[in-house]
Amino acid sequence: MVVGGIDTTIPLFQKLLNEPDILSGDYDIHWLENWAKRQKGEG
């Protein structure tokens, strides 16, 4: 038997809270998309 919880976005928010741009407020509407591409090695 496997008992699991619900999926959350908490790990994403924990990563984002370590990003200097987020902490300084230096981000725009495209920041998250570009960040995600960099995480995948696409940019």
N, C-alpha and C. Protein backbone atom coordinates (compact mmCIF):
# COMPACT_ATOMS: atom_id res chain seq x y z
N MET A 1 0.84 -1.17 0.00
CA MET A 1 0.00 0.00 0.00
C MET A 1 0.89 1.24 0.00
N VAL A 2 0.51 2.23 -0.77
CA VAL A 2 1.22 3.49 -0.82
C VAL A 2 0.25 4.59 -0.42
N VAL A 3 0.66 5.37 0.53
CA VAL A 3 -0.15 6.51 0.95
C VAL A 3 0.66 7.76 0.65
N GLY A 4 0.09 8.64 -0.10
CA GLY A 4 0.81 9.86 -0.48
C GLY A 4 -0.01 11.10 -0.18
N GLY A 5 0.67 12.19 -0.16
CA GLY A 5 0.00 13.47 0.07
C GLY A 5 -0.29 14.17 -1.23
N ILE A 6 -0.72 15.39 -1.11
CA ILE A 6 -1.01 16.17 -2.30
C ILE A 6 0.27 16.83 -2.80
N ASP A 7 0.33 17.05 -4.11
CA ASP A 7 1.46 17.78 -4.68
C ASP A 7 1.27 19.26 -4.39
N THR A 8 2.36 19.94 -4.08
CA THR A 8 2.29 21.37 -3.82
C THR A 8 3.38 22.08 -4.61
N THR A 9 3.31 23.39 -4.60
CA THR A 9 4.34 24.22 -5.24
C THR A 9 5.36 24.72 -4.23
N ILE A 10 5.33 24.18 -3.02
CA ILE A 10 6.25 24.63 -1.97
C ILE A 10 7.72 24.50 -2.40
N PRO A 11 8.15 23.39 -3.00
CA PRO A 11 9.56 23.31 -3.41
C PRO A 11 9.95 24.43 -4.41
N LEU A 12 9.05 24.77 -5.31
CA LEU A 12 9.32 25.86 -6.25
C LEU A 12 9.52 27.17 -5.50
N PHE A 13 8.63 27.48 -4.56
CA PHE A 13 8.73 28.73 -3.82
C PHE A 13 9.99 28.76 -2.96
N GLN A 14 10.40 27.63 -2.43
CA GLN A 14 11.63 27.58 -1.64
C GLN A 14 12.84 27.90 -2.52
N LYS A 15 12.85 27.40 -3.76
CA LYS A 15 13.95 27.72 -4.68
C LYS A 15 13.92 29.20 -5.04
N LEU A 16 12.73 29.72 -5.32
CA LEU A 16 12.62 31.12 -5.72
C LEU A 16 13.06 32.07 -4.61
N LEU A 17 12.83 31.70 -3.37
CA LEU A 17 13.22 32.56 -2.25
C LEU A 17 14.73 32.62 -2.05
N ASN A 18 15.46 31.80 -2.77
CA ASN A 18 16.92 31.85 -2.73
C ASN A 18 17.51 32.60 -3.92
N GLU A 19 16.66 33.10 -4.79
CA GLU A 19 17.13 33.80 -5.98
C GLU A 19 17.36 35.29 -5.67
N PRO A 20 18.56 35.80 -5.96
CA PRO A 20 18.86 37.21 -5.69
C PRO A 20 17.88 38.18 -6.35
N ASP A 21 17.46 37.89 -7.58
CA ASP A 21 16.52 38.79 -8.27
C ASP A 21 15.19 38.89 -7.53
N ILE A 22 14.72 37.78 -7.02
CA ILE A 22 13.46 37.77 -6.28
C ILE A 22 13.62 38.56 -4.98
N LEU A 23 14.71 38.30 -4.27
CA LEU A 23 14.93 38.97 -2.99
C LEU A 23 15.08 40.48 -3.15
N SER A 24 15.67 40.91 -4.26
CA SER A 24 15.88 42.34 -4.48
C SER A 24 14.69 43.01 -5.17
N GLY A 25 13.76 42.21 -5.68
CA GLY A 25 12.62 42.77 -6.40
C GLY A 25 12.94 43.10 -7.85
N ASP A 26 14.05 42.59 -8.34
CA ASP A 26 14.49 42.86 -9.71
C ASP A 26 14.02 41.77 -10.66
N TYR A 27 12.73 41.74 -10.92
CA TYR A 27 12.17 40.76 -11.85
C TYR A 27 10.99 41.38 -12.57
N ASP A 28 10.63 40.76 -13.70
CA ASP A 28 9.50 41.26 -14.48
C ASP A 28 8.60 40.09 -14.87
N ILE A 29 7.67 40.35 -15.75
CA ILE A 29 6.67 39.35 -16.11
C ILE A 29 7.28 38.12 -16.79
N HIS A 30 8.45 38.28 -17.39
CA HIS A 30 9.09 37.17 -18.10
C HIS A 30 10.14 36.43 -17.25
N TRP A 31 10.41 36.93 -16.07
CA TRP A 31 11.49 36.39 -15.25
C TRP A 31 11.32 34.90 -14.97
N LEU A 32 10.15 34.48 -14.53
CA LEU A 32 9.93 33.08 -14.15
C LEU A 32 10.11 32.14 -15.34
N GLU A 33 9.60 32.54 -16.49
CA GLU A 33 9.76 31.72 -17.69
C GLU A 33 11.24 31.56 -18.04
N ASN A 34 11.99 32.64 -17.99
CA ASN A 34 13.43 32.58 -18.30
C ASN A 34 14.17 31.77 -17.25
N TRP A 35 13.81 31.92 -15.99
CA TRP A 35 14.43 31.16 -14.91
C TRP A 35 14.20 29.66 -15.11
N ALA A 36 12.98 29.29 -15.47
CA ALA A 36 12.65 27.88 -15.68
C ALA A 36 13.47 27.30 -16.83
N LYS A 37 13.66 28.06 -17.88
CA LYS A 37 14.48 27.60 -19.01
C LYS A 37 15.93 27.40 -18.57
N ARG A 38 16.45 28.32 -17.75
CA ARG A 38 17.82 28.17 -17.26
C ARG A 38 17.94 26.92 -16.37
N GLN A 39 16.93 26.62 -15.61
CA GLN A 39 16.97 25.45 -14.75
C GLN A 39 17.03 24.16 -15.56
N LYS A 40 16.40 24.18 -16.72
CA LYS A 40 16.41 23.02 -17.62
C LYS A 40 17.63 22.99 -18.52
N GLY A 41 18.45 24.04 -18.47
CA GLY A 41 19.64 24.11 -19.30
C GLY A 41 19.35 24.59 -20.70
N GLU A 42 18.21 25.26 -20.90
CA GLU A 42 17.84 25.73 -22.23
C GLU A 42 18.26 27.16 -22.47
N GLY A 43 18.77 27.83 -21.49
CA GLY A 43 19.07 29.24 -21.71
C GLY A 43 20.21 29.64 -20.96
